[in-house]
Amino acid sequence: VSRHSARLKSAVSRNLDRSRQALRSAARALPLPDQLLALPRRGFDEYSARLARALETGTGRKRADLAAIRLNPALLSRLLRERRGAYAALSARVRPEPLGERLRSQTERLVQLATRMDRASRLTLDNRKRAVSEKSRLLSSLAYPAVLKRGYAIVSDATGNALMRAADVEPGAALSLQFADGTVGATADGPGGSASKPEKPARKRGDGGGQQSLF
């Protein structure tokens, strides 16, 4: 164990040294933060300068366009007619009939989905109930009351602890035998030995059971 422990410590130390060396090598290969940010910083400065010039140019162009436009009642009337024509075209496209048809279709679809959901829920619930019933029957068959009904008994001492071996029973100890239909008290009379097998009765000759004599 000491030899393996020393080898383990040496292996861990070598592994840490290799990891440190690899980390230092990777750190030397990585660029510095200033180098990484130099190109984005230069692009940001260029975009900032271009944005300022573009704002000035756009503002001057909009100011010139606004100065060139002369608002008068004729121009306002023309703009109003154009807006009214656009709104009229949109209102012709928006009608209640397609909306009602779509609403009825969606309602039918919703009813179908609700029906399918109810069937699926009932089927899932039935499957879960069937699984629970099967597990309950299996648990009942494996529980100790079912074992007791097959002719077994639970032997306990005076304190209620179950006894698993005959060696744990002392002579004269008070025992409790739990059967399927109740509990019976008993007293141990001594350690149990291997029961001798009853001798088979000698077979009589000519009794008809077995092969007849050949002589």
C-alpha atoms as a PDB file:
ATOM      1  CA  VAL A   1       0.000   0.000   0.000  1.00  0.00           C
ATOM      2  CA  SER A   2       2.845   2.393   0.805  1.00  0.00           C
ATOM      3  CA  ARG A   3       4.529   1.630  -2.509  1.00  0.00           C
ATOM      4  CA  HIS A   4       1.304   2.191  -4.450  1.00  0.00           C
ATOM      5  CA  SER A   5       0.651   5.387  -2.464  1.00  0.00           C
ATOM      6  CA  ALA A   6       4.105   6.709  -3.344  1.00  0.00           C
ATOM      7  CA  ARG A   7       3.595   5.831  -6.999  1.00  0.00           C
ATOM      8  CA  LEU A   8       0.208   7.545  -6.955  1.00  0.00           C
ATOM      9  CA  LYS A   9       1.658  10.719  -5.437  1.00  0.00           C
ATOM     10  CA  SER A  10       4.478  10.711  -7.996  1.00  0.00           C
ATOM     11  CA  ALA A  11       2.017  10.220 -10.872  1.00  0.00           C
ATOM     12  CA  VAL A  12      -0.224  13.037  -9.608  1.00  0.00           C
ATOM     13  CA  SER A  13       2.785  15.343  -9.244  1.00  0.00           C
ATOM     14  CA  ARG A  14       3.993  14.580 -12.773  1.00  0.00           C
ATOM     15  CA  ASN A  15       0.499  15.120 -14.139  1.00  0.00           C
ATOM     16  CA  LEU A  16       0.252  18.493 -12.398  1.00  0.00           C
ATOM     17  CA  ASP A  17       3.669  19.520 -13.736  1.00  0.00           C
ATOM     18  CA  ARG A  18       2.660  18.597 -17.290  1.00  0.00           C
ATOM     19  CA  SER A  19      -0.622  20.493 -16.902  1.00  0.00           C
ATOM     20  CA  ARG A  20       1.204  23.584 -15.614  1.00  0.00           C
ATOM     21  CA  GLN A  21       3.688  23.428 -18.501  1.00  0.00           C
ATOM     22  CA  ALA A  22       0.881  23.032 -21.044  1.00  0.00           C
ATOM     23  CA  LEU A  23      -0.983  25.965 -19.483  1.00  0.00           C
ATOM     24  CA  ARG A  24       2.113  28.182 -19.624  1.00  0.00           C
ATOM     25  CA  SER A  25       2.677  27.219 -23.271  1.00  0.00           C
ATOM     26  CA  ALA A  26      -0.932  28.018 -24.128  1.00  0.00           C
ATOM     27  CA  ALA A  27      -0.720  31.326 -22.263  1.00  0.00           C
ATOM     28  CA  ARG A  28       2.392  32.333 -24.224  1.00  0.00           C
ATOM     29  CA  ALA A  29       0.623  31.516 -27.488  1.00  0.00           C
ATOM     30  CA  LEU A  30      -2.459  33.596 -26.658  1.00  0.00           C
ATOM     31  CA  PRO A  31      -2.468  37.246 -27.799  1.00  0.00           C
ATOM     32  CA  LEU A  32      -2.589  40.086 -25.318  1.00  0.00           C
ATOM     33  CA  PRO A  33      -5.902  41.869 -24.559  1.00  0.00           C
ATOM     34  CA  ASP A  34      -4.626  45.060 -26.186  1.00  0.00           C
ATOM     35  CA  GLN A  35      -3.860  43.144 -29.364  1.00  0.00           C
ATOM     36  CA  LEU A  36      -7.334  41.583 -29.392  1.00  0.00           C
ATOM     37  CA  LEU A  37      -9.069  44.921 -28.880  1.00  0.00           C
ATOM     38  CA  ALA A  38      -6.889  46.986 -31.197  1.00  0.00           C
ATOM     39  CA  LEU A  39      -8.762  46.159 -34.433  1.00  0.00           C
ATOM     40  CA  PRO A  40     -12.302  46.517 -32.962  1.00  0.00           C
ATOM     41  CA  ARG A  41     -11.249  49.768 -31.276  1.00  0.00           C
ATOM     42  CA  ARG A  42      -9.985  51.187 -34.560  1.00  0.00           C
ATOM     43  CA  GLY A  43     -13.197  50.124 -36.347  1.00  0.00           C
ATOM     44  CA  PHE A  44     -15.276  51.711 -33.600  1.00  0.00           C
ATOM     45  CA  ASP A  45     -13.400  54.974 -33.935  1.00  0.00           C
ATOM     46  CA  GLU A  46     -13.886  54.968 -37.716  1.00  0.00           C
ATOM     47  CA  TYR A  47     -17.618  54.236 -37.390  1.00  0.00           C
ATOM     48  CA  SER A  48     -17.994  57.002 -34.808  1.00  0.00           C
ATOM     49  CA  ALA A  49     -16.366  59.539 -37.107  1.00  0.00           C
ATOM     50  CA  ARG A  50     -18.447  58.366 -40.086  1.00  0.00           C
ATOM     51  CA  LEU A  51     -21.642  58.484 -38.024  1.00  0.00           C
ATOM     52  CA  ALA A  52     -21.052  62.079 -37.039  1.00  0.00           C
ATOM     53  CA  ARG A  53     -20.418  63.089 -40.660  1.00  0.00           C
ATOM     54  CA  ALA A  54     -23.447  61.073 -41.848  1.00  0.00           C
ATOM     55  CA  LEU A  55     -25.711  62.773 -39.298  1.00  0.00           C
ATOM     56  CA  GLU A  56     -24.552  66.190 -40.394  1.00  0.00           C
ATOM     57  CA  THR A  57     -25.012  65.303 -44.093  1.00  0.00           C
ATOM     58  CA  GLY A  58     -28.457  63.729 -43.515  1.00  0.00           C
ATOM     59  CA  THR A  59     -29.642  66.659 -41.426  1.00  0.00           C
ATOM     60  CA  GLY A  60     -28.556  69.134 -44.113  1.00  0.00           C
ATOM     61  CA  ARG A  61     -30.302  67.089 -46.853  1.00  0.00           C
ATOM     62  CA  LYS A  62     -33.552  66.849 -44.891  1.00  0.00           C
ATOM     63  CA  ARG A  63     -33.396  70.575 -44.142  1.00  0.00           C
ATOM     64  CA  ALA A  64     -32.950  71.343 -47.848  1.00  0.00           C
ATOM     65  CA  ASP A  65     -35.845  69.016 -48.793  1.00  0.00           C
ATOM     66  CA  LEU A  66     -38.079  70.643 -46.200  1.00  0.00           C
ATOM     67  CA  ALA A  67     -37.163  74.098 -47.442  1.00  0.00           C
ATOM     68  CA  ALA A  68     -37.957  73.032 -51.019  1.00  0.00           C
ATOM     69  CA  ILE A  69     -41.411  71.806 -50.075  1.00  0.00           C
ATOM     70  CA  ARG A  70     -43.975  74.545 -50.023  1.00  0.00           C
ATOM     71  CA  LEU A  71     -47.033  73.559 -48.051  1.00  0.00           C
ATOM     72  CA  ASN A  72     -50.242  74.808 -49.623  1.00  0.00           C
ATOM     73  CA  PRO A  73     -53.901  73.701 -49.585  1.00  0.00           C
ATOM     74  CA  ALA A  74     -53.624  71.998 -52.997  1.00  0.00           C
ATOM     75  CA  LEU A  75     -50.705  69.845 -51.834  1.00  0.00           C
ATOM     76  CA  LEU A  76     -52.459  68.944 -48.602  1.00  0.00           C
ATOM     77  CA  SER A  77     -55.626  68.002 -50.509  1.00  0.00           C
ATOM     78  CA  ARG A  78     -53.647  65.758 -52.839  1.00  0.00           C
ATOM     79  CA  LEU A  79     -51.941  64.020 -49.935  1.00  0.00           C
ATOM     80  CA  LEU A  80     -55.306  63.575 -48.239  1.00  0.00           C
ATOM     81  CA  ARG A  81     -56.846  62.021 -51.380  1.00  0.00           C
ATOM     82  CA  GLU A  82     -53.888  59.619 -51.693  1.00  0.00           C
ATOM     83  CA  ARG A  83     -54.275  58.550 -48.072  1.00  0.00           C
ATOM     84  CA  ARG A  84     -58.015  58.080 -48.468  1.00  0.00           C
ATOM     85  CA  GLY A  85     -57.493  55.957 -51.596  1.00  0.00           C
ATOM     86  CA  ALA A  86     -54.989  53.736 -49.785  1.00  0.00           C
ATOM     87  CA  TYR A  87     -57.340  53.320 -46.813  1.00  0.00           C
ATOM     88  CA  ALA A  88     -60.244  52.502 -49.151  1.00  0.00           C
ATOM     89  CA  ALA A  89     -58.202  49.787 -50.884  1.00  0.00           C
ATOM     90  CA  LEU A  90     -57.300  48.283 -47.513  1.00  0.00           C
ATOM     91  CA  SER A  91     -60.894  48.409 -46.289  1.00  0.00           C
ATOM     92  CA  ALA A  92     -62.051  46.588 -49.453  1.00  0.00           C
ATOM     93  CA  ARG A  93     -59.649  43.780 -48.694  1.00  0.00           C
ATOM     94  CA  VAL A  94     -60.745  43.494 -45.046  1.00  0.00           C
ATOM     95  CA  ARG A  95     -64.225  41.903 -45.009  1.00  0.00           C
ATOM     96  CA  PRO A  96     -66.100  40.073 -42.235  1.00  0.00           C
ATOM     97  CA  GLU A  97     -66.921  36.983 -44.356  1.00  0.00           C
ATOM     98  CA  PRO A  98     -63.358  35.576 -44.535  1.00  0.00           C
ATOM     99  CA  LEU A  99     -62.878  36.334 -40.859  1.00  0.00           C
ATOM    100  CA  GLY A 100     -66.108  34.490 -39.978  1.00  0.00           C
ATOM    101  CA  GLU A 101     -65.145  31.497 -42.113  1.00  0.00           C
ATOM    102  CA  ARG A 102     -61.738  31.360 -40.469  1.00  0.00           C
ATOM    103  CA  LEU A 103     -63.325  31.640 -37.052  1.00  0.00           C
ATOM    104  CA  ARG A 104     -65.691  28.726 -37.772  1.00  0.00           C
ATOM    105  CA  SER A 105     -62.821  26.614 -39.080  1.00  0.00           C
ATOM    106  CA  GLN A 106     -60.720  27.324 -36.023  1.00  0.00           C
ATOM    107  CA  THR A 107     -63.690  26.561 -33.763  1.00  0.00           C
ATOM    108  CA  GLU A 108     -64.214  23.166 -35.409  1.00  0.00           C
ATOM    109  CA  ARG A 109     -60.503  22.471 -35.122  1.00  0.00           C
ATOM    110  CA  LEU A 110     -60.591  23.395 -31.442  1.00  0.00           C
ATOM    111  CA  VAL A 111     -63.530  21.057 -30.821  1.00  0.00           C
ATOM    112  CA  GLN A 112     -61.708  18.187 -32.552  1.00  0.00           C
ATOM    113  CA  LEU A 113     -58.563  18.805 -30.533  1.00  0.00           C
ATOM    114  CA  ALA A 114     -60.580  18.951 -27.305  1.00  0.00           C
ATOM    115  CA  THR A 115     -62.219  15.613 -28.147  1.00  0.00           C
ATOM    116  CA  ARG A 116     -58.858  14.025 -28.927  1.00  0.00           C
ATOM    117  CA  MET A 117     -57.432  15.431 -25.722  1.00  0.00           C
ATOM    118  CA  ASP A 118     -60.284  13.915 -23.695  1.00  0.00           C
ATOM    119  CA  ARG A 119     -59.767  10.501 -25.325  1.00  0.00           C
ATOM    120  CA  ALA A 120     -56.024  10.686 -24.788  1.00  0.00           C
ATOM    121  CA  SER A 121     -56.500  11.717 -21.162  1.00  0.00           C
ATOM    122  CA  ARG A 122     -58.908   8.845 -20.485  1.00  0.00           C
ATOM    123  CA  LEU A 123     -56.599   6.372 -22.226  1.00  0.00           C
ATOM    124  CA  THR A 124     -53.591   7.605 -20.277  1.00  0.00           C
ATOM    125  CA  LEU A 125     -55.544   7.453 -17.016  1.00  0.00           C
ATOM    126  CA  ASP A 126     -56.736   3.907 -17.765  1.00  0.00           C
ATOM    127  CA  ASN A 127     -53.189   2.808 -18.546  1.00  0.00           C
ATOM    128  CA  ARG A 128     -51.905   4.362 -15.325  1.00  0.00           C
ATOM    129  CA  LYS A 129     -54.702   2.702 -13.316  1.00  0.00           C
ATOM    130  CA  ARG A 130     -53.938  -0.650 -14.932  1.00  0.00           C
ATOM    131  CA  ALA A 131     -50.239  -0.264 -14.156  1.00  0.00           C
ATOM    132  CA  VAL A 132     -50.985   0.692 -10.546  1.00  0.00           C
ATOM    133  CA  SER A 133     -53.305  -2.297 -10.180  1.00  0.00           C
ATOM    134  CA  GLU A 134     -50.648  -4.655 -11.553  1.00  0.00           C
ATOM    135  CA  LYS A 135     -48.014  -3.213  -9.234  1.00  0.00           C
ATOM    136  CA  SER A 136     -50.450  -3.464  -6.316  1.00  0.00           C
ATOM    137  CA  ARG A 137     -51.145  -7.148  -7.060  1.00  0.00           C
ATOM    138  CA  LEU A 138     -47.411  -7.819  -7.364  1.00  0.00           C
ATOM    139  CA  LEU A 139     -46.763  -6.023  -4.089  1.00  0.00           C
ATOM    140  CA  SER A 140     -49.522  -8.005  -2.390  1.00  0.00           C
ATOM    141  CA  SER A 141     -48.073 -11.281  -3.669  1.00  0.00           C
ATOM    142  CA  LEU A 142     -44.578 -10.357  -2.470  1.00  0.00           C
ATOM    143  CA  ALA A 143     -45.656  -8.981   0.924  1.00  0.00           C
ATOM    144  CA  TYR A 144     -45.122 -11.142   4.006  1.00  0.00           C
ATOM    145  CA  PRO A 145     -48.862 -11.720   4.721  1.00  0.00           C
ATOM    146  CA  ALA A 146     -49.091 -13.557   1.406  1.00  0.00           C
ATOM    147  CA  VAL A 147     -46.019 -15.582   2.363  1.00  0.00           C
ATOM    148  CA  LEU A 148     -47.641 -16.460   5.707  1.00  0.00           C
ATOM    149  CA  LYS A 149     -50.724 -17.715   3.890  1.00  0.00           C
ATOM    150  CA  ARG A 150     -48.511 -20.231   2.070  1.00  0.00           C
ATOM    151  CA  GLY A 151     -47.670 -21.975   5.370  1.00  0.00           C
ATOM    152  CA  TYR A 152     -44.746 -19.951   6.701  1.00  0.00           C
ATOM    153  CA  ALA A 153     -44.458 -18.246  10.094  1.00  0.00           C
ATOM    154  CA  ILE A 154     -42.448 -15.401  11.621  1.00  0.00           C
ATOM    155  CA  VAL A 155     -40.579 -16.265  14.821  1.00  0.00           C
ATOM    156  CA  SER A 156     -39.942 -13.325  17.180  1.00  0.00           C
ATOM    157  CA  ASP A 157     -38.398 -13.053  20.635  1.00  0.00           C
ATOM    158  CA  ALA A 158     -39.944 -11.389  23.662  1.00  0.00           C
ATOM    159  CA  THR A 159     -38.889  -7.911  22.463  1.00  0.00           C
ATOM    160  CA  GLY A 160     -40.472  -8.387  19.049  1.00  0.00           C
ATOM    161  CA  ASN A 161     -37.250  -8.856  17.086  1.00  0.00           C
ATOM    162  CA  ALA A 162     -37.462 -11.436  14.317  1.00  0.00           C
ATOM    163  CA  LEU A 163     -35.216 -14.478  14.738  1.00  0.00           C
ATOM    164  CA  MET A 164     -33.512 -15.673  11.571  1.00  0.00           C
ATOM    165  CA  ARG A 165     -31.437 -18.651  12.871  1.00  0.00           C
ATOM    166  CA  ALA A 166     -31.944 -21.474  15.328  1.00  0.00           C
ATOM    167  CA  ALA A 167     -28.655 -20.551  16.999  1.00  0.00           C
ATOM    168  CA  ASP A 168     -30.188 -17.249  18.130  1.00  0.00           C
ATOM    169  CA  VAL A 169     -32.827 -19.072  20.210  1.00  0.00           C
ATOM    170  CA  GLU A 170     -31.872 -19.821  23.816  1.00  0.00           C
ATOM    171  CA  PRO A 171     -33.470 -22.714  25.738  1.00  0.00           C
ATOM    172  CA  GLY A 172     -36.516 -21.561  27.666  1.00  0.00           C
ATOM    173  CA  ALA A 173     -36.832 -18.334  25.685  1.00  0.00           C
ATOM    174  CA  ALA A 174     -40.317 -17.006  25.133  1.00  0.00           C
ATOM    175  CA  LEU A 175     -41.145 -16.934  21.442  1.00  0.00           C
ATOM    176  CA  SER A 176     -43.942 -15.477  19.375  1.00  0.00           C
ATOM    177  CA  LEU A 177     -45.078 -17.319  16.255  1.00  0.00           C
ATOM    178  CA  GLN A 178     -46.995 -15.174  13.800  1.00  0.00           C
ATOM    179  CA  PHE A 179     -49.170 -17.114  11.355  1.00  0.00           C
ATOM    180  CA  ALA A 180     -51.480 -15.838   8.671  1.00  0.00           C
ATOM    181  CA  ASP A 181     -54.526 -15.977  10.979  1.00  0.00           C
ATOM    182  CA  GLY A 182     -52.939 -14.852  14.237  1.00  0.00           C
ATOM    183  CA  THR A 183     -50.060 -15.040  16.714  1.00  0.00           C
ATOM    184  CA  VAL A 184     -49.254 -17.907  19.057  1.00  0.00           C
ATOM    185  CA  GLY A 185     -46.865 -17.901  22.026  1.00  0.00           C
ATOM    186  CA  ALA A 186     -44.278 -20.648  22.454  1.00  0.00           C
ATOM    187  CA  THR A 187     -41.310 -21.584  24.645  1.00  0.00           C
ATOM    188  CA  ALA A 188     -38.049 -22.956  23.246  1.00  0.00           C
ATOM    189  CA  ASP A 189     -37.056 -26.286  24.812  1.00  0.00           C
ATOM    190  CA  GLY A 190     -33.499 -26.429  23.447  1.00  0.00           C
ATOM    191  CA  PRO A 191     -31.382 -26.094  20.343  1.00  0.00           C
ATOM    192  CA  GLY A 192     -32.789 -27.918  17.343  1.00  0.00           C
ATOM    193  CA  GLY A 193     -30.803 -30.619  15.572  1.00  0.00           C
ATOM    194  CA  SER A 194     -31.120 -32.218  12.233  1.00  0.00           C
ATOM    195  CA  ALA A 195     -34.227 -34.322  12.201  1.00  0.00           C
ATOM    196  CA  SER A 196     -33.688 -37.939  11.445  1.00  0.00           C
ATOM    197  CA  LYS A 197     -35.473 -39.205   8.416  1.00  0.00           C
ATOM    198  CA  PRO A 198     -38.121 -41.839   9.153  1.00  0.00           C
ATOM    199  CA  GLU A 199     -37.138 -45.271   8.103  1.00  0.00           C
ATOM    200  CA  LYS A 200     -39.068 -46.695   5.211  1.00  0.00           C
ATOM    201  CA  PRO A 201     -40.938 -49.897   6.037  1.00  0.00           C
ATOM    202  CA  ALA A 202     -39.427 -53.028   4.611  1.00  0.00           C
ATOM    203  CA  ARG A 203     -41.146 -54.089   1.467  1.00  0.00           C
ATOM    204  CA  LYS A 204     -42.799 -57.445   1.705  1.00  0.00           C
ATOM    205  CA  ARG A 205     -42.181 -59.901  -1.043  1.00  0.00           C
ATOM    206  CA  GLY A 206     -45.075 -60.709  -3.228  1.00  0.00           C
ATOM    207  CA  ASP A 207     -47.063 -57.670  -2.085  1.00  0.00           C
ATOM    208  CA  GLY A 208     -47.752 -56.732  -5.712  1.00  0.00           C
ATOM    209  CA  GLY A 209     -45.929 -53.410  -5.536  1.00  0.00           C
ATOM    210  CA  GLY A 210     -42.899 -53.568  -7.783  1.00  0.00           C
ATOM    211  CA  GLN A 211     -41.333 -56.259  -9.989  1.00  0.00           C
ATOM    212  CA  GLN A 212     -42.177 -59.939  -9.326  1.00  0.00           C
ATOM    213  CA  SER A 213     -39.458 -62.376  -8.376  1.00  0.00           C
ATOM    214  CA  LEU A 214     -37.828 -64.080 -11.310  1.00  0.00           C
ATOM    215  CA  PHE A 215     -37.015 -67.274  -9.347  1.00  0.00           C
END
